[in-house]
């Protein structure tokens, strides 16, 4: 019996962040998707490995740079920078932004707080 299936592996990675999508505090959840060829239910060959990051606050999904993802898969504690991410899908849990300086909250897509002018 030969079969091809899709798989997902979650990594125990912890990095707390202030989310660039919703402005909330959360953490990055890193996972990998892949295709696998199985022979008699035994995985023999994997390919098409892709690394992703999902935020715990709003659920936004980012594609992660393959080099950084590979290092995390090998157990290294490397920091994920915004430059390592490419947004794939915006989350929908909570889209409210809150200004860290004055506390103003809004659902609008402002880059700067309309009350005090600070960057969200």
N, C-alpha and C. Protein backbone atom coordinates (compact mmCIF):
# COMPACT_ATOMS: atom_id res chain seq x y z
N UNK A 1 0.84 -1.17 0.00
CA UNK A 1 0.00 0.00 0.00
C UNK A 1 0.88 1.24 0.00
N UNK A 2 0.71 2.07 -0.99
CA UNK A 2 1.45 3.31 -1.12
C UNK A 2 0.45 4.46 -1.04
N UNK A 3 0.82 5.50 -0.32
CA UNK A 3 -0.08 6.65 -0.19
C UNK A 3 0.68 7.95 -0.04
N UNK A 4 0.04 9.03 -0.49
CA UNK A 4 0.58 10.38 -0.32
C UNK A 4 -0.41 11.16 0.52
N UNK A 5 0.08 11.82 1.54
CA UNK A 5 -0.79 12.60 2.41
C UNK A 5 -0.11 13.90 2.81
N UNK A 6 -0.88 14.78 3.41
CA UNK A 6 -0.39 16.05 3.92
C UNK A 6 -0.22 15.93 5.43
N UNK A 7 0.78 16.60 5.95
CA UNK A 7 1.02 16.57 7.39
C UNK A 7 1.29 17.96 7.94
N UNK A 8 1.17 18.07 9.25
CA UNK A 8 1.45 19.31 9.96
C UNK A 8 2.19 18.96 11.24
N UNK A 9 3.22 19.74 11.53
CA UNK A 9 3.98 19.55 12.77
C UNK A 9 4.09 20.89 13.48
N UNK A 10 3.65 20.93 14.74
CA UNK A 10 3.76 22.12 15.56
C UNK A 10 5.07 22.07 16.34
N UNK A 11 5.72 23.22 16.46
CA UNK A 11 6.99 23.29 17.18
C UNK A 11 6.79 24.00 18.52
N UNK A 12 7.52 23.56 19.56
CA UNK A 12 7.42 24.21 20.88
C UNK A 12 8.26 25.49 20.91
N UNK A 13 7.80 26.50 20.22
CA UNK A 13 8.54 27.76 20.10
C UNK A 13 7.78 28.84 20.87
N UNK A 14 8.50 29.64 21.66
CA UNK A 14 7.87 30.69 22.46
C UNK A 14 8.56 32.02 22.18
N UNK A 15 7.82 32.96 21.64
CA UNK A 15 8.30 34.34 21.49
C UNK A 15 7.09 35.25 21.69
N UNK A 16 7.13 36.05 22.74
CA UNK A 16 6.03 36.97 22.98
C UNK A 16 6.20 38.20 22.09
N UNK A 17 5.07 38.74 21.64
CA UNK A 17 5.08 39.83 20.67
C UNK A 17 3.96 40.82 20.95
N UNK A 18 4.09 41.99 20.36
CA UNK A 18 2.95 42.88 20.20
C UNK A 18 2.58 42.72 18.73
N UNK A 19 1.41 42.21 18.48
CA UNK A 19 0.99 41.82 17.14
C UNK A 19 0.91 43.03 16.20
N UNK A 20 1.56 42.93 15.03
CA UNK A 20 1.47 44.02 14.06
C UNK A 20 0.10 44.11 13.39
N UNK A 21 -0.69 43.05 13.44
CA UNK A 21 -2.01 43.05 12.80
C UNK A 21 -3.09 43.65 13.68
N UNK A 22 -3.12 43.28 14.96
CA UNK A 22 -4.21 43.75 15.83
C UNK A 22 -3.74 44.67 16.95
N UNK A 23 -2.43 44.74 17.21
CA UNK A 23 -1.91 45.59 18.27
C UNK A 23 -1.94 44.94 19.64
N UNK A 24 -2.51 43.74 19.75
CA UNK A 24 -2.59 43.05 21.03
C UNK A 24 -1.29 42.33 21.36
N UNK A 25 -1.22 41.86 22.59
CA UNK A 25 -0.06 41.08 23.02
C UNK A 25 -0.38 39.60 22.87
N UNK A 26 0.59 38.84 22.42
CA UNK A 26 0.39 37.41 22.21
C UNK A 26 1.73 36.73 22.01
N UNK A 27 1.70 35.60 21.32
CA UNK A 27 2.93 34.88 21.03
C UNK A 27 2.83 34.26 19.65
N UNK A 28 3.98 33.94 19.10
CA UNK A 28 4.05 33.27 17.81
C UNK A 28 3.92 31.76 18.03
N UNK A 29 3.09 31.11 17.22
CA UNK A 29 2.98 29.66 17.20
C UNK A 29 3.53 29.21 15.84
N UNK A 30 4.61 28.46 15.85
CA UNK A 30 5.31 28.07 14.62
C UNK A 30 4.92 26.63 14.26
N UNK A 31 4.61 26.41 12.98
CA UNK A 31 4.31 25.06 12.52
C UNK A 31 4.81 24.87 11.09
N UNK A 32 4.89 23.61 10.69
CA UNK A 32 5.37 23.24 9.36
C UNK A 32 4.31 22.37 8.70
N UNK A 33 4.08 22.59 7.40
CA UNK A 33 3.24 21.69 6.62
C UNK A 33 4.14 20.98 5.62
N UNK A 34 3.76 19.77 5.23
CA UNK A 34 4.59 18.99 4.33
C UNK A 34 3.75 17.91 3.64
N UNK A 35 4.30 17.35 2.58
CA UNK A 35 3.71 16.20 1.90
C UNK A 35 4.57 14.99 2.25
N UNK A 36 3.94 13.83 2.38
CA UNK A 36 4.68 12.63 2.77
C UNK A 36 4.22 11.43 1.94
N UNK A 37 5.18 10.63 1.51
CA UNK A 37 4.93 9.38 0.81
C UNK A 37 5.07 8.25 1.83
N UNK A 38 4.04 7.45 1.96
CA UNK A 38 4.05 6.36 2.93
C UNK A 38 3.97 5.02 2.22
N UNK A 39 4.71 4.05 2.70
CA UNK A 39 4.68 2.70 2.20
C UNK A 39 4.25 1.80 3.35
N UNK A 40 3.11 1.16 3.22
CA UNK A 40 2.52 0.35 4.29
C UNK A 40 2.42 1.15 5.60
N UNK A 41 1.92 2.37 5.46
CA UNK A 41 1.66 3.29 6.59
C UNK A 41 2.93 3.77 7.29
N UNK A 42 4.08 3.54 6.68
CA UNK A 42 5.36 4.01 7.24
C UNK A 42 5.82 5.19 6.39
N UNK A 43 6.00 6.38 6.99
CA UNK A 43 6.47 7.53 6.21
C UNK A 43 7.88 7.28 5.68
N UNK A 44 8.03 7.42 4.36
CA UNK A 44 9.33 7.13 3.73
C UNK A 44 10.03 8.38 3.21
N UNK A 45 9.25 9.32 2.71
CA UNK A 45 9.84 10.47 2.05
C UNK A 45 8.95 11.68 2.25
N UNK A 46 9.55 12.79 2.68
CA UNK A 46 8.78 14.04 2.84
C UNK A 46 9.33 15.10 1.89
N UNK A 47 8.45 15.98 1.43
CA UNK A 47 8.84 17.08 0.55
C UNK A 47 7.84 18.21 0.71
N UNK A 48 8.12 19.30 0.04
CA UNK A 48 7.23 20.46 0.06
C UNK A 48 7.06 21.02 1.48
N UNK A 49 8.15 21.11 2.22
CA UNK A 49 8.09 21.64 3.58
C UNK A 49 7.93 23.16 3.53
N UNK A 50 6.94 23.66 4.26
CA UNK A 50 6.71 25.10 4.36
C UNK A 50 6.47 25.44 5.82
N UNK A 51 7.05 26.57 6.23
CA UNK A 51 6.97 26.99 7.62
C UNK A 51 6.02 28.18 7.75
N UNK A 52 5.22 28.18 8.82
CA UNK A 52 4.24 29.23 9.05
C UNK A 52 4.27 29.66 10.51
N UNK A 53 3.79 30.86 10.74
CA UNK A 53 3.64 31.41 12.08
C UNK A 53 2.20 31.89 12.22
N UNK A 54 1.57 31.56 13.34
CA UNK A 54 0.23 32.06 13.63
C UNK A 54 0.29 32.78 14.96
N UNK A 55 -0.34 33.96 15.02
CA UNK A 55 -0.35 34.72 16.27
C UNK A 55 -1.44 34.17 17.18
N UNK A 56 -1.17 34.17 18.47
CA UNK A 56 -2.15 33.64 19.44
C UNK A 56 -3.24 34.66 19.76
N UNK A 57 -3.00 35.93 19.48
CA UNK A 57 -3.98 36.96 19.84
C UNK A 57 -5.12 37.06 18.83
N UNK A 58 -4.82 37.16 17.54
CA UNK A 58 -5.88 37.35 16.54
C UNK A 58 -5.92 36.27 15.47
N UNK A 59 -4.94 35.36 15.47
CA UNK A 59 -4.95 34.25 14.53
C UNK A 59 -4.40 34.55 13.15
N UNK A 60 -3.73 35.70 12.97
CA UNK A 60 -3.14 36.03 11.68
C UNK A 60 -2.05 35.02 11.35
N UNK A 61 -2.03 34.55 10.10
CA UNK A 61 -1.05 33.56 9.65
C UNK A 61 -0.04 34.21 8.73
N UNK A 62 1.23 33.92 8.97
CA UNK A 62 2.34 34.43 8.17
C UNK A 62 3.14 33.27 7.62
N UNK A 63 3.66 33.41 6.39
CA UNK A 63 4.65 32.47 5.88
C UNK A 63 5.99 32.88 6.50
N UNK A 64 6.74 31.91 6.97
CA UNK A 64 8.01 32.16 7.64
C UNK A 64 9.16 31.85 6.70
N UNK A 65 10.21 32.64 6.77
CA UNK A 65 11.41 32.42 5.97
C UNK A 65 11.89 30.98 6.19
N UNK A 66 12.14 30.22 5.11
CA UNK A 66 12.54 28.80 5.25
C UNK A 66 13.81 28.59 6.07
N UNK A 67 14.77 29.51 6.01
CA UNK A 67 15.99 29.35 6.81
C UNK A 67 15.69 29.45 8.30
N UNK A 68 14.88 30.42 8.68
CA UNK A 68 14.50 30.58 10.09
C UNK A 68 13.66 29.39 10.54
N UNK A 69 12.71 28.97 9.70
CA UNK A 69 11.87 27.81 10.02
C UNK A 69 12.69 26.55 10.21
N UNK A 70 13.69 26.34 9.36
CA UNK A 70 14.55 25.17 9.49
C UNK A 70 15.34 25.18 10.78
N UNK A 71 15.81 26.35 11.20
CA UNK A 71 16.54 26.45 12.46
C UNK A 71 15.63 26.14 13.65
N UNK A 72 14.40 26.63 13.60
CA UNK A 72 13.43 26.34 14.68
C UNK A 72 13.11 24.85 14.69
N UNK A 73 12.98 24.23 13.51
CA UNK A 73 12.70 22.80 13.42
C UNK A 73 13.84 21.97 14.04
N UNK A 74 15.06 22.48 13.95
CA UNK A 74 16.21 21.79 14.55
C UNK A 74 16.37 22.09 16.04
N UNK A 75 15.45 22.87 16.61
CA UNK A 75 15.47 23.13 18.05
C UNK A 75 16.21 24.36 18.47
N UNK A 76 16.63 25.20 17.56
CA UNK A 76 17.34 26.43 17.92
C UNK A 76 16.35 27.51 18.31
N UNK A 77 16.74 28.33 19.25
CA UNK A 77 15.92 29.46 19.72
C UNK A 77 16.36 30.72 18.98
N UNK A 78 15.86 30.91 17.78
CA UNK A 78 16.19 32.10 17.00
C UNK A 78 15.02 33.07 17.05
N UNK A 79 15.29 34.36 17.15
CA UNK A 79 14.19 35.33 17.17
C UNK A 79 13.58 35.49 15.78
N UNK A 80 12.27 35.64 15.73
CA UNK A 80 11.58 35.90 14.48
C UNK A 80 11.37 37.40 14.37
N UNK A 81 11.89 37.98 13.29
CA UNK A 81 11.73 39.40 13.04
C UNK A 81 10.59 39.61 12.05
N UNK A 82 10.04 40.81 12.01
CA UNK A 82 8.95 41.12 11.08
C UNK A 82 9.41 40.92 9.63
N UNK A 83 10.70 41.14 9.35
CA UNK A 83 11.23 40.96 7.99
C UNK A 83 11.23 39.50 7.56
N UNK A 84 11.16 38.56 8.52
CA UNK A 84 11.14 37.13 8.22
C UNK A 84 9.75 36.62 7.87
N UNK A 85 8.74 37.48 7.98
CA UNK A 85 7.35 37.06 7.82
C UNK A 85 6.70 37.68 6.59
N UNK A 86 5.79 36.94 5.98
CA UNK A 86 4.98 37.44 4.86
C UNK A 86 3.52 37.07 5.18
N UNK A 87 2.67 38.08 5.33
CA UNK A 87 1.29 37.83 5.75
C UNK A 87 0.53 37.02 4.71
N UNK A 88 -0.11 35.94 5.18
CA UNK A 88 -0.89 35.07 4.31
C UNK A 88 -2.39 35.29 4.51
N UNK A 89 -2.83 35.39 5.77
CA UNK A 89 -4.25 35.51 6.08
C UNK A 89 -4.40 36.27 7.39
N UNK A 90 -5.25 37.31 7.34
CA UNK A 90 -5.50 38.08 8.55
C UNK A 90 -6.41 37.31 9.49
N UNK A 91 -6.17 37.46 10.76
CA UNK A 91 -7.00 36.82 11.76
C UNK A 91 -8.32 37.55 11.92
N UNK A 92 -9.22 36.90 12.64
CA UNK A 92 -10.54 37.50 12.80
C UNK A 92 -11.03 37.49 14.23
N UNK A 93 -10.19 37.13 15.16
CA UNK A 93 -10.63 37.02 16.54
C UNK A 93 -10.97 38.39 17.11
N UNK A 94 -10.04 39.33 17.02
CA UNK A 94 -10.25 40.66 17.59
C UNK A 94 -9.48 41.66 16.74
N UNK A 95 -10.18 42.54 16.06
CA UNK A 95 -9.54 43.51 15.18
C UNK A 95 -9.42 44.88 15.83
N UNK A 96 -9.71 45.00 17.11
CA UNK A 96 -9.62 46.27 17.80
C UNK A 96 -8.16 46.61 18.07
N UNK A 97 -7.79 47.86 17.74
CA UNK A 97 -6.45 48.35 18.05
C UNK A 97 -6.54 49.24 19.28
N UNK A 98 -5.52 49.17 20.11
CA UNK A 98 -5.48 49.98 21.31
C UNK A 98 -4.16 50.71 21.37
N UNK A 99 -4.21 52.02 21.55
CA UNK A 99 -3.01 52.84 21.64
C UNK A 99 -2.30 52.55 22.97
N UNK A 100 -1.00 52.30 22.88
CA UNK A 100 -0.23 52.02 24.09
C UNK A 100 0.05 53.28 24.90
N UNK A 101 0.01 54.43 24.25
CA UNK A 101 0.31 55.68 24.94
C UNK A 101 -0.90 56.20 25.72
N UNK A 102 -2.06 56.33 25.04
CA UNK A 102 -3.22 56.96 25.69
C UNK A 102 -4.38 56.01 25.98
N UNK A 103 -4.35 54.78 25.43
CA UNK A 103 -5.40 53.82 25.70
C UNK A 103 -6.60 53.89 24.78
N UNK A 104 -6.59 54.78 23.78
CA UNK A 104 -7.70 54.92 22.84
C UNK A 104 -7.87 53.62 22.04
N UNK A 105 -9.13 53.15 21.90
CA UNK A 105 -9.41 51.93 21.16
C UNK A 105 -10.23 52.25 19.93
N UNK A 106 -9.94 51.53 18.82
CA UNK A 106 -10.67 51.73 17.58
C UNK A 106 -10.68 50.45 16.75
N UNK A 107 -11.71 50.30 15.92
CA UNK A 107 -11.79 49.18 14.98
C UNK A 107 -11.34 49.60 13.59
N UNK A 108 -11.03 50.88 13.40
CA UNK A 108 -10.63 51.40 12.10
C UNK A 108 -9.19 51.00 11.79
N UNK A 109 -8.82 51.08 10.52
CA UNK A 109 -7.49 50.67 10.06
C UNK A 109 -6.50 51.83 10.11
N UNK A 110 -6.42 52.52 11.22
CA UNK A 110 -5.47 53.62 11.38
C UNK A 110 -4.08 53.07 11.64
N UNK A 111 -3.06 53.78 11.13
CA UNK A 111 -1.68 53.46 11.47
C UNK A 111 -1.22 54.26 12.68
N UNK A 112 -1.87 55.42 12.90
CA UNK A 112 -1.55 56.29 14.03
C UNK A 112 -2.80 56.58 14.82
N UNK A 113 -2.65 56.75 16.12
CA UNK A 113 -3.77 57.04 17.00
C UNK A 113 -4.37 58.40 16.67
N UNK A 114 -5.70 58.47 16.41
CA UNK A 114 -6.31 59.75 16.11
C UNK A 114 -6.41 60.68 17.32
N UNK A 115 -6.21 60.15 18.52
CA UNK A 115 -6.32 60.97 19.72
C UNK A 115 -5.00 61.63 20.10
N UNK A 116 -3.90 60.84 20.10
CA UNK A 116 -2.60 61.40 20.55
C UNK A 116 -1.53 61.39 19.47
N UNK A 117 -1.74 60.69 18.35
CA UNK A 117 -0.78 60.68 17.25
C UNK A 117 0.31 59.62 17.33
N UNK A 118 0.27 58.77 18.36
CA UNK A 118 1.27 57.70 18.49
C UNK A 118 1.01 56.60 17.46
N UNK A 119 2.06 55.93 17.02
CA UNK A 119 1.92 54.82 16.08
C UNK A 119 1.31 53.62 16.79
N UNK A 120 0.29 52.99 16.15
CA UNK A 120 -0.32 51.79 16.73
C UNK A 120 0.65 50.64 16.67
